[in-house]
């Protein structure tokens, strides 16, 4: 779905009012954080993640590793917030941020 700018614009509009569901802080990408990101992407498809990184390079490295590890697409990155998307195989209309 994220192949065009119109699709990304639609996802940014949907993600504007979302609260961050995961915070990646000083310990980095621990197993628990990785599991929580995986659960959130499976349930909600579109999620916000708050990154606490020292500089731009560290934030970029964390962003790339999160997207690569979870086969997700970066929709938007502003400040310390990431908006990422991964299409669910069988979305639950009660949980999906795209279907509500």
PDB file of N, CA and C in Angstrom:
ATOM      1  N   UNK A   1       0.816  -1.205   0.000  1.00  0.00           N
ATOM      2  CA  UNK A   1       0.000   0.000   0.000  1.00  0.00           C
ATOM      3  C   UNK A   1       0.850   1.255   0.000  1.00  0.00           C
ATOM      4  N   UNK A   2       2.075   1.207   0.421  1.00  0.00           N
ATOM      5  CA  UNK A   2       2.876   2.416   0.566  1.00  0.00           C
ATOM      6  C   UNK A   2       3.711   2.709  -0.672  1.00  0.00           C
ATOM      7  N   UNK A   3       3.220   2.366  -1.845  1.00  0.00           N
ATOM      8  CA  UNK A   3       4.007   2.568  -3.047  1.00  0.00           C
ATOM      9  C   UNK A   3       3.957   4.002  -3.556  1.00  0.00           C
ATOM     10  N   UNK A   4       2.918   4.731  -3.251  1.00  0.00           N
ATOM     11  CA  UNK A   4       2.809   6.090  -3.785  1.00  0.00           C
ATOM     12  C   UNK A   4       2.765   7.122  -2.661  1.00  0.00           C
ATOM     13  N   UNK A   5       2.981   8.359  -3.048  1.00  0.00           N
ATOM     14  CA  UNK A   5       2.921   9.452  -2.074  1.00  0.00           C
ATOM     15  C   UNK A   5       1.517   9.631  -1.512  1.00  0.00           C
ATOM     16  N   UNK A   6       0.498   9.355  -2.315  1.00  0.00           N
ATOM     17  CA  UNK A   6      -0.875   9.471  -1.835  1.00  0.00           C
ATOM     18  C   UNK A   6      -1.154   8.457  -0.731  1.00  0.00           C
ATOM     19  N   UNK A   7      -0.617   7.251  -0.887  1.00  0.00           N
ATOM     20  CA  UNK A   7      -0.791   6.221   0.145  1.00  0.00           C
ATOM     21  C   UNK A   7      -0.100   6.638   1.440  1.00  0.00           C
ATOM     22  N   UNK A   8       1.118   7.157   1.327  1.00  0.00           N
ATOM     23  CA  UNK A   8       1.844   7.593   2.519  1.00  0.00           C
ATOM     24  C   UNK A   8       1.138   8.769   3.186  1.00  0.00           C
ATOM     25  N   UNK A   9       0.594   9.652   2.384  1.00  0.00           N
ATOM     26  CA  UNK A   9      -0.143  10.794   2.941  1.00  0.00           C
ATOM     27  C   UNK A   9      -1.358  10.311   3.716  1.00  0.00           C
ATOM     28  N   UNK A  10      -2.043   9.315   3.190  1.00  0.00           N
ATOM     29  CA  UNK A  10      -3.206   8.737   3.874  1.00  0.00           C
ATOM     30  C   UNK A  10      -2.785   8.104   5.205  1.00  0.00           C
ATOM     31  N   UNK A  11      -1.671   7.364   5.198  1.00  0.00           N
ATOM     32  CA  UNK A  11      -1.184   6.738   6.434  1.00  0.00           C
ATOM     33  C   UNK A  11      -0.742   7.790   7.449  1.00  0.00           C
ATOM     34  N   UNK A  12      -0.108   8.870   7.006  1.00  0.00           N
ATOM     35  CA  UNK A  12       0.290   9.946   7.925  1.00  0.00           C
ATOM     36  C   UNK A  12      -0.937  10.590   8.561  1.00  0.00           C
ATOM     37  N   UNK A  13      -1.985  10.757   7.773  1.00  0.00           N
ATOM     38  CA  UNK A  13      -3.224  11.337   8.305  1.00  0.00           C
ATOM     39  C   UNK A  13      -3.837  10.427   9.371  1.00  0.00           C
ATOM     40  N   UNK A  14      -3.833   9.122   9.115  1.00  0.00           N
ATOM     41  CA  UNK A  14      -4.362   8.172  10.098  1.00  0.00           C
ATOM     42  C   UNK A  14      -3.490   8.108  11.347  1.00  0.00           C
ATOM     43  N   UNK A  15      -2.185   8.252  11.177  1.00  0.00           N
ATOM     44  CA  UNK A  15      -1.269   8.139  12.289  1.00  0.00           C
ATOM     45  C   UNK A  15      -1.121   9.384  13.135  1.00  0.00           C
ATOM     46  N   UNK A  16      -1.666  10.497  12.681  1.00  0.00           N
ATOM     47  CA  UNK A  16      -1.494  11.763  13.389  1.00  0.00           C
ATOM     48  C   UNK A  16      -1.983  11.709  14.835  1.00  0.00           C
ATOM     49  N   UNK A  17      -3.127  11.108  15.082  1.00  0.00           N
ATOM     50  CA  UNK A  17      -3.715  11.078  16.420  1.00  0.00           C
ATOM     51  C   UNK A  17      -3.295   9.871  17.254  1.00  0.00           C
ATOM     52  N   UNK A  18      -2.454   9.010  16.701  1.00  0.00           N
ATOM     53  CA  UNK A  18      -2.017   7.833  17.448  1.00  0.00           C
ATOM     54  C   UNK A  18      -1.027   8.222  18.543  1.00  0.00           C
ATOM     55  N   UNK A  19      -1.048   7.472  19.619  1.00  0.00           N
ATOM     56  CA  UNK A  19      -0.076   7.617  20.703  1.00  0.00           C
ATOM     57  C   UNK A  19       1.019   6.564  20.487  1.00  0.00           C
ATOM     58  N   UNK A  20       2.247   6.844  20.916  1.00  0.00           N
ATOM     59  CA  UNK A  20       3.302   5.836  20.782  1.00  0.00           C
ATOM     60  C   UNK A  20       2.981   4.599  21.615  1.00  0.00           C
ATOM     61  N   UNK A  21       3.098   3.423  21.007  1.00  0.00           N
ATOM     62  CA  UNK A  21       2.804   2.181  21.726  1.00  0.00           C
ATOM     63  C   UNK A  21       4.070   1.534  22.282  1.00  0.00           C
ATOM     64  N   UNK A  22       5.218   1.940  21.756  1.00  0.00           N
ATOM     65  CA  UNK A  22       6.494   1.382  22.192  1.00  0.00           C
ATOM     66  C   UNK A  22       7.491   2.521  22.332  1.00  0.00           C
ATOM     67  N   UNK A  23       8.327   2.453  23.373  1.00  0.00           N
ATOM     68  CA  UNK A  23       9.412   3.409  23.545  1.00  0.00           C
ATOM     69  C   UNK A  23      10.728   2.653  23.548  1.00  0.00           C
ATOM     70  N   UNK A  24      11.631   3.055  22.659  1.00  0.00           N
ATOM     71  CA  UNK A  24      12.965   2.469  22.608  1.00  0.00           C
ATOM     72  C   UNK A  24      13.890   3.464  23.293  1.00  0.00           C
ATOM     73  N   UNK A  25      14.399   3.087  24.464  1.00  0.00           N
ATOM     74  CA  UNK A  25      15.191   4.017  25.277  1.00  0.00           C
ATOM     75  C   UNK A  25      16.650   3.560  25.346  1.00  0.00           C
ATOM     76  N   UNK A  26      17.288   3.827  26.464  1.00  0.00           N
ATOM     77  CA  UNK A  26      18.717   3.616  26.652  1.00  0.00           C
ATOM     78  C   UNK A  26      19.212   2.205  26.408  1.00  0.00           C
ATOM     79  N   UNK A  27      18.400   1.209  26.658  1.00  0.00           N
ATOM     80  CA  UNK A  27      18.836  -0.179  26.462  1.00  0.00           C
ATOM     81  C   UNK A  27      18.770  -0.618  25.008  1.00  0.00           C
ATOM     82  N   UNK A  28      18.195   0.199  24.151  1.00  0.00           N
ATOM     83  CA  UNK A  28      18.118  -0.130  22.733  1.00  0.00           C
ATOM     84  C   UNK A  28      17.055  -1.164  22.435  1.00  0.00           C
ATOM     85  N   UNK A  29      17.300  -1.939  21.401  1.00  0.00           N
ATOM     86  CA  UNK A  29      16.339  -2.952  20.964  1.00  0.00           C
ATOM     87  C   UNK A  29      16.559  -4.258  21.722  1.00  0.00           C
ATOM     88  N   UNK A  30      15.964  -4.340  22.883  1.00  0.00           N
ATOM     89  CA  UNK A  30      16.041  -5.575  23.657  1.00  0.00           C
ATOM     90  C   UNK A  30      15.038  -6.574  23.101  1.00  0.00           C
ATOM     91  N   UNK A  31      15.087  -7.779  23.600  1.00  0.00           N
ATOM     92  CA  UNK A  31      14.156  -8.811  23.136  1.00  0.00           C
ATOM     93  C   UNK A  31      12.710  -8.442  23.459  1.00  0.00           C
ATOM     94  N   UNK A  32      12.484  -7.868  24.640  1.00  0.00           N
ATOM     95  CA  UNK A  32      11.127  -7.470  25.026  1.00  0.00           C
ATOM     96  C   UNK A  32      10.595  -6.358  24.131  1.00  0.00           C
ATOM     97  N   UNK A  33      11.430  -5.397  23.814  1.00  0.00           N
ATOM     98  CA  UNK A  33      11.007  -4.299  22.930  1.00  0.00           C
ATOM     99  C   UNK A  33      10.694  -4.843  21.540  1.00  0.00           C
ATOM    100  N   UNK A  34      11.535  -5.725  21.045  1.00  0.00           N
ATOM    101  CA  UNK A  34      11.316  -6.326  19.732  1.00  0.00           C
ATOM    102  C   UNK A  34      10.008  -7.124  19.705  1.00  0.00           C
ATOM    103  N   UNK A  35       9.744  -7.879  20.763  1.00  0.00           N
ATOM    104  CA  UNK A  35       8.495  -8.650  20.844  1.00  0.00           C
ATOM    105  C   UNK A  35       7.281  -7.729  20.889  1.00  0.00           C
ATOM    106  N   UNK A  36       7.386  -6.625  21.610  1.00  0.00           N
ATOM    107  CA  UNK A  36       6.266  -5.690  21.709  1.00  0.00           C
ATOM    108  C   UNK A  36       6.003  -4.992  20.376  1.00  0.00           C
ATOM    109  N   UNK A  37       7.051  -4.642  19.641  1.00  0.00           N
ATOM    110  CA  UNK A  37       6.873  -4.045  18.310  1.00  0.00           C
ATOM    111  C   UNK A  37       6.200  -5.043  17.387  1.00  0.00           C
ATOM    112  N   UNK A  38       6.639  -6.296  17.447  1.00  0.00           N
ATOM    113  CA  UNK A  38       6.046  -7.338  16.604  1.00  0.00           C
ATOM    114  C   UNK A  38       4.560  -7.525  16.926  1.00  0.00           C
ATOM    115  N   UNK A  39       4.220  -7.576  18.211  1.00  0.00           N
ATOM    116  CA  UNK A  39       2.826  -7.726  18.613  1.00  0.00           C
ATOM    117  C   UNK A  39       1.995  -6.540  18.150  1.00  0.00           C
ATOM    118  N   UNK A  40       2.520  -5.331  18.320  1.00  0.00           N
ATOM    119  CA  UNK A  40       1.779  -4.130  17.942  1.00  0.00           C
ATOM    120  C   UNK A  40       1.565  -4.064  16.433  1.00  0.00           C
ATOM    121  N   UNK A  41       2.568  -4.406  15.656  1.00  0.00           N
ATOM    122  CA  UNK A  41       2.407  -4.399  14.198  1.00  0.00           C
ATOM    123  C   UNK A  41       1.411  -5.456  13.745  1.00  0.00           C
ATOM    124  N   UNK A  42       1.439  -6.606  14.380  1.00  0.00           N
ATOM    125  CA  UNK A  42       0.492  -7.669  14.022  1.00  0.00           C
ATOM    126  C   UNK A  42      -0.940  -7.241  14.334  1.00  0.00           C
ATOM    127  N   UNK A  43      -1.145  -6.597  15.470  1.00  0.00           N
ATOM    128  CA  UNK A  43      -2.485  -6.191  15.870  1.00  0.00           C
ATOM    129  C   UNK A  43      -2.965  -4.933  15.151  1.00  0.00           C
ATOM    130  N   UNK A  44      -2.118  -3.923  15.061  1.00  0.00           N
ATOM    131  CA  UNK A  44      -2.565  -2.595  14.647  1.00  0.00           C
ATOM    132  C   UNK A  44      -2.140  -2.164  13.242  1.00  0.00           C
ATOM    133  N   UNK A  45      -1.165  -2.803  12.643  1.00  0.00           N
ATOM    134  CA  UNK A  45      -0.639  -2.506  11.305  1.00  0.00           C
ATOM    135  C   UNK A  45       0.120  -1.178  11.233  1.00  0.00           C
ATOM    136  N   UNK A  46      -0.427  -0.119  11.779  1.00  0.00           N
ATOM    137  CA  UNK A  46       0.188   1.210  11.745  1.00  0.00           C
ATOM    138  C   UNK A  46       0.430   1.643  13.184  1.00  0.00           C
ATOM    139  N   UNK A  47       1.705   1.854  13.546  1.00  0.00           N
ATOM    140  CA  UNK A  47       2.024   2.194  14.934  1.00  0.00           C
ATOM    141  C   UNK A  47       3.027   3.339  15.005  1.00  0.00           C
ATOM    142  N   UNK A  48       3.014   4.010  16.144  1.00  0.00           N
ATOM    143  CA  UNK A  48       3.999   5.035  16.455  1.00  0.00           C
ATOM    144  C   UNK A  48       4.966   4.468  17.480  1.00  0.00           C
ATOM    145  N   UNK A  49       6.242   4.781  17.272  1.00  0.00           N
ATOM    146  CA  UNK A  49       7.298   4.360  18.193  1.00  0.00           C
ATOM    147  C   UNK A  49       8.073   5.602  18.605  1.00  0.00           C
ATOM    148  N   UNK A  50       8.346   5.714  19.903  1.00  0.00           N
ATOM    149  CA  UNK A  50       9.155   6.822  20.403  1.00  0.00           C
ATOM    150  C   UNK A  50      10.581   6.325  20.587  1.00  0.00           C
ATOM    151  N   UNK A  51      11.533   7.043  19.977  1.00  0.00           N
ATOM    152  CA  UNK A  51      12.947   6.701  20.089  1.00  0.00           C
ATOM    153  C   UNK A  51      13.647   7.710  20.983  1.00  0.00           C
ATOM    154  N   UNK A  52      14.443   7.210  21.908  1.00  0.00           N
ATOM    155  CA  UNK A  52      15.296   8.075  22.709  1.00  0.00           C
ATOM    156  C   UNK A  52      16.717   7.743  22.279  1.00  0.00           C
ATOM    157  N   UNK A  53      17.246   8.542  21.342  1.00  0.00           N
ATOM    158  CA  UNK A  53      18.577   8.304  20.795  1.00  0.00           C
ATOM    159  C   UNK A  53      19.445   9.540  21.010  1.00  0.00           C
ATOM    160  N   UNK A  54      20.753   9.314  21.038  1.00  0.00           N
ATOM    161  CA  UNK A  54      21.674  10.402  21.312  1.00  0.00           C
ATOM    162  C   UNK A  54      21.794  11.392  20.168  1.00  0.00           C
ATOM    163  N   UNK A  55      21.862  10.915  18.946  1.00  0.00           N
ATOM    164  CA  UNK A  55      22.031  11.811  17.805  1.00  0.00           C
ATOM    165  C   UNK A  55      21.302  11.253  16.584  1.00  0.00           C
ATOM    166  N   UNK A  56      21.400  11.974  15.479  1.00  0.00           N
ATOM    167  CA  UNK A  56      20.689  11.577  14.261  1.00  0.00           C
ATOM    168  C   UNK A  56      21.164  10.242  13.721  1.00  0.00           C
ATOM    169  N   UNK A  57      22.461  10.014  13.791  1.00  0.00           N
ATOM    170  CA  UNK A  57      23.000   8.754  13.266  1.00  0.00           C
ATOM    171  C   UNK A  57      22.485   7.555  14.054  1.00  0.00           C
ATOM    172  N   UNK A  58      22.435   7.692  15.375  1.00  0.00           N
ATOM    173  CA  UNK A  58      21.916   6.601  16.216  1.00  0.00           C
ATOM    174  C   UNK A  58      20.431   6.383  15.944  1.00  0.00           C
ATOM    175  N   UNK A  59      19.691   7.461  15.768  1.00  0.00           N
ATOM    176  CA  UNK A  59      18.258   7.353  15.469  1.00  0.00           C
ATOM    177  C   UNK A  59      18.043   6.685  14.112  1.00  0.00           C
ATOM    178  N   UNK A  60      18.846   7.053  13.134  1.00  0.00           N
ATOM    179  CA  UNK A  60      18.737   6.465  11.803  1.00  0.00           C
ATOM    180  C   UNK A  60      19.061   4.972  11.849  1.00  0.00           C
ATOM    181  N   UNK A  61      20.097   4.599  12.609  1.00  0.00           N
ATOM    182  CA  UNK A  61      20.467   3.185  12.725  1.00  0.00           C
ATOM    183  C   UNK A  61      19.362   2.383  13.406  1.00  0.00           C
ATOM    184  N   UNK A  62      18.763   2.936  14.479  1.00  0.00           N
ATOM    185  CA  UNK A  62      17.651   2.262  15.158  1.00  0.00           C
ATOM    186  C   UNK A  62      16.451   2.114  14.234  1.00  0.00           C
ATOM    187  N   UNK A  63      16.139   3.160  13.499  1.00  0.00           N
ATOM    188  CA  UNK A  63      15.008   3.135  12.571  1.00  0.00           C
ATOM    189  C   UNK A  63      15.202   2.064  11.514  1.00  0.00           C
ATOM    190  N   UNK A  64      16.379   2.025  10.924  1.00  0.00           N
ATOM    191  CA  UNK A  64      16.660   1.030   9.886  1.00  0.00           C
ATOM    192  C   UNK A  64      16.583  -0.392  10.432  1.00  0.00           C
ATOM    193  N   UNK A  65      17.130  -0.605  11.633  1.00  0.00           N
ATOM    194  CA  UNK A  65      17.108  -1.960  12.191  1.00  0.00           C
ATOM    195  C   UNK A  65      15.695  -2.393  12.571  1.00  0.00           C
ATOM    196  N   UNK A  66      14.877  -1.469  13.069  1.00  0.00           N
ATOM    197  CA  UNK A  66      13.481  -1.800  13.391  1.00  0.00           C
ATOM    198  C   UNK A  66      12.722  -2.183  12.129  1.00  0.00           C
ATOM    199  N   UNK A  67      12.830  -1.356  11.092  1.00  0.00           N
ATOM    200  CA  UNK A  67      12.093  -1.625   9.848  1.00  0.00           C
ATOM    201  C   UNK A  67      12.559  -2.919   9.195  1.00  0.00           C
ATOM    202  N   UNK A  68      13.856  -3.159   9.214  1.00  0.00           N
ATOM    203  CA  UNK A  68      14.388  -4.375   8.596  1.00  0.00           C
ATOM    204  C   UNK A  68      13.991  -5.619   9.384  1.00  0.00           C
ATOM    205  N   UNK A  69      14.083  -5.556  10.703  1.00  0.00           N
ATOM    206  CA  UNK A  69      13.776  -6.724  11.535  1.00  0.00           C
ATOM    207  C   UNK A  69      12.306  -7.122  11.472  1.00  0.00           C
ATOM    208  N   UNK A  70      11.427  -6.160  11.237  1.00  0.00           N
ATOM    209  CA  UNK A  70       9.990  -6.443  11.258  1.00  0.00           C
ATOM    210  C   UNK A  70       9.340  -6.345   9.879  1.00  0.00           C
ATOM    211  N   UNK A  71      10.150  -6.209   8.838  1.00  0.00           N
ATOM    212  CA  UNK A  71       9.636  -6.077   7.461  1.00  0.00           C
ATOM    213  C   UNK A  71       8.593  -4.984   7.372  1.00  0.00           C
ATOM    214  N   UNK A  72       8.868  -3.869   8.018  1.00  0.00           N
ATOM    215  CA  UNK A  72       7.931  -2.748   8.056  1.00  0.00           C
ATOM    216  C   UNK A  72       8.442  -1.610   7.174  1.00  0.00           C
ATOM    217  N   UNK A  73       7.541  -0.702   6.866  1.00  0.00           N
ATOM    218  CA  UNK A  73       7.862   0.462   6.058  1.00  0.00           C
ATOM    219  C   UNK A  73       7.804   1.702   6.930  1.00  0.00           C
ATOM    220  N   UNK A  74       8.828   2.523   6.841  1.00  0.00           N
ATOM    221  CA  UNK A  74       8.830   3.796   7.550  1.00  0.00           C
ATOM    222  C   UNK A  74       7.933   4.754   6.782  1.00  0.00           C
ATOM    223  N   UNK A  75       6.887   5.237   7.439  1.00  0.00           N
ATOM    224  CA  UNK A  75       5.966   6.176   6.815  1.00  0.00           C
ATOM    225  C   UNK A  75       6.418   7.603   7.088  1.00  0.00           C
ATOM    226  N   UNK A  76       6.824   7.863   8.348  1.00  0.00           N
ATOM    227  CA  UNK A  76       7.202   9.213   8.723  1.00  0.00           C
ATOM    228  C   UNK A  76       8.119   9.174   9.939  1.00  0.00           C
ATOM    229  N   UNK A  77       9.061  10.115   9.974  1.00  0.00           N
ATOM    230  CA  UNK A  77       9.949  10.264  11.115  1.00  0.00           C
ATOM    231  C   UNK A  77      10.058  11.753  11.421  1.00  0.00           C
ATOM    232  N   UNK A  78       9.525  12.145  12.569  1.00  0.00           N
ATOM    233  CA  UNK A  78       9.588  13.540  12.994  1.00  0.00           C
ATOM    234  C   UNK A  78      10.104  13.565  14.425  1.00  0.00           C
ATOM    235  N   UNK A  79      11.205  14.255  14.632  1.00  0.00           N
ATOM    236  CA  UNK A  79      11.776  14.335  15.971  1.00  0.00           C
ATOM    237  C   UNK A  79      12.142  12.955  16.473  1.00  0.00           C
ATOM    238  N   UNK A  80      11.581  12.579  17.591  1.00  0.00           N
ATOM    239  CA  UNK A  80      11.857  11.266  18.181  1.00  0.00           C
ATOM    240  C   UNK A  80      10.741  10.268  17.909  1.00  0.00           C
ATOM    241  N   UNK A  81       9.804  10.600  17.037  1.00  0.00           N
ATOM    242  CA  UNK A  81       8.671   9.713  16.741  1.00  0.00           C
ATOM    243  C   UNK A  81       8.811   9.078  15.363  1.00  0.00           C
ATOM    244  N   UNK A  82       8.522   7.792  15.312  1.00  0.00           N
ATOM    245  CA  UNK A  82       8.473   7.051  14.054  1.00  0.00           C
ATOM    246  C   UNK A  82       7.050   6.573  13.829  1.00  0.00           C
ATOM    247  N   UNK A  83       6.627   6.604  12.606  1.00  0.00           N
ATOM    248  CA  UNK A  83       5.350   6.022  12.219  1.00  0.00           C
ATOM    249  C   UNK A  83       5.692   4.924  11.224  1.00  0.00           C
ATOM    250  N   UNK A  84       5.409   3.665  11.595  1.00  0.00           N
ATOM    251  CA  UNK A  84       5.742   2.552  10.716  1.00  0.00           C
ATOM    252  C   UNK A  84       4.498   1.734  10.399  1.00  0.00           C
ATOM    253  N   UNK A  85       4.554   1.059   9.256  1.00  0.00           N
ATOM    254  CA  UNK A  85       3.406   0.308   8.746  1.00  0.00           C
ATOM    255  C   UNK A  85       3.867  -1.057   8.247  1.00  0.00           C
ATOM    256  N   UNK A  86       3.064  -2.063   8.563  1.00  0.00           N
ATOM    257  CA  UNK A  86       3.235  -3.393   7.988  1.00  0.00           C
ATOM    258  C   UNK A  86       1.851  -3.988   7.806  1.00  0.00           C
ATOM    259  N   UNK A  87       1.554  -4.387   6.588  1.00  0.00           N
ATOM    260  CA  UNK A  87       0.245  -4.963   6.285  1.00  0.00           C
ATOM    261  C   UNK A  87       0.078  -6.288   7.016  1.00  0.00           C
ATOM    262  N   UNK A  88      -1.075  -6.454   7.654  1.00  0.00           N
ATOM    263  CA  UNK A  88      -1.381  -7.688   8.369  1.00  0.00           C
ATOM    264  C   UNK A  88      -1.926  -8.726   7.396  1.00  0.00           C
ATOM    265  N   UNK A  89      -1.647  -9.983   7.693  1.00  0.00           N
ATOM    266  CA  UNK A  89      -2.152 -11.061   6.843  1.00  0.00           C
ATOM    267  C   UNK A  89      -3.663 -11.183   6.967  1.00  0.00           C
ATOM    268  N   UNK A  90      -4.159 -11.082   8.196  1.00  0.00           N
ATOM    269  CA  UNK A  90      -5.593 -11.141   8.464  1.00  0.00           C
ATOM    270  C   UNK A  90      -5.922 -10.061   9.490  1.00  0.00           C
ATOM    271  N   UNK A  91      -6.165  -8.826   9.050  1.00  0.00           N
ATOM    272  CA  UNK A  91      -6.395  -7.734  10.006  1.00  0.00           C
ATOM    273  C   UNK A  91      -7.673  -7.926  10.815  1.00  0.00           C
ATOM    274  N   UNK A  92      -7.584  -7.606  12.085  1.00  0.00           N
ATOM    275  CA  UNK A  92      -8.730  -7.645  12.992  1.00  0.00           C
ATOM    276  C   UNK A  92      -9.373  -6.255  12.981  1.00  0.00           C
ATOM    277  N   UNK A  93     -10.607  -6.139  12.530  1.00  0.00           N
ATOM    278  CA  UNK A  93     -11.235  -4.817  12.428  1.00  0.00           C
ATOM    279  C   UNK A  93     -11.350  -4.084  13.773  1.00  0.00           C
ATOM    280  N   UNK A  94     -11.337  -4.821  14.880  1.00  0.00           N
ATOM    281  CA  UNK A  94     -11.431  -4.178  16.187  1.00  0.00           C
ATOM    282  C   UNK A  94     -10.097  -3.553  16.611  1.00  0.00           C
ATOM    283  N   UNK A  95      -8.978  -4.060  16.094  1.00  0.00           N
ATOM    284  CA  UNK A  95      -7.663  -3.611  16.530  1.00  0.00           C
ATOM    285  C   UNK A  95      -6.922  -2.775  15.498  1.00  0.00           C
ATOM    286  N   UNK A  96      -7.159  -3.015  14.223  1.00  0.00           N
ATOM    287  CA  UNK A  96      -6.405  -2.352  13.165  1.00  0.00           C
ATOM    288  C   UNK A  96      -6.646  -0.853  13.171  1.00  0.00           C
ATOM    289  N   UNK A  97      -5.578  -0.091  13.101  1.00  0.00           N
ATOM    290  CA  UNK A  97      -5.697   1.366  13.019  1.00  0.00           C
ATOM    291  C   UNK A  97      -6.140   1.813  11.621  1.00  0.00           C
ATOM    292  N   UNK A  98      -6.102   0.937  10.645  1.00  0.00           N
ATOM    293  CA  UNK A  98      -6.526   1.284   9.298  1.00  0.00           C
ATOM    294  C   UNK A  98      -8.014   1.038   9.075  1.00  0.00           C
ATOM    295  N   UNK A  99      -8.578   0.103   9.807  1.00  0.00           N
ATOM    296  CA  UNK A  99      -9.980  -0.281   9.576  1.00  0.00           C
ATOM    297  C   UNK A  99     -10.969   0.372  10.543  1.00  0.00           C
ATOM    298  N   UNK A 100     -10.467   1.049  11.568  1.00  0.00           N
ATOM    299  CA  UNK A 100     -11.371   1.656  12.530  1.00  0.00           C
ATOM    300  C   UNK A 100     -11.853   2.989  12.050  1.00  0.00           C
TER     301      UNK A 100
END
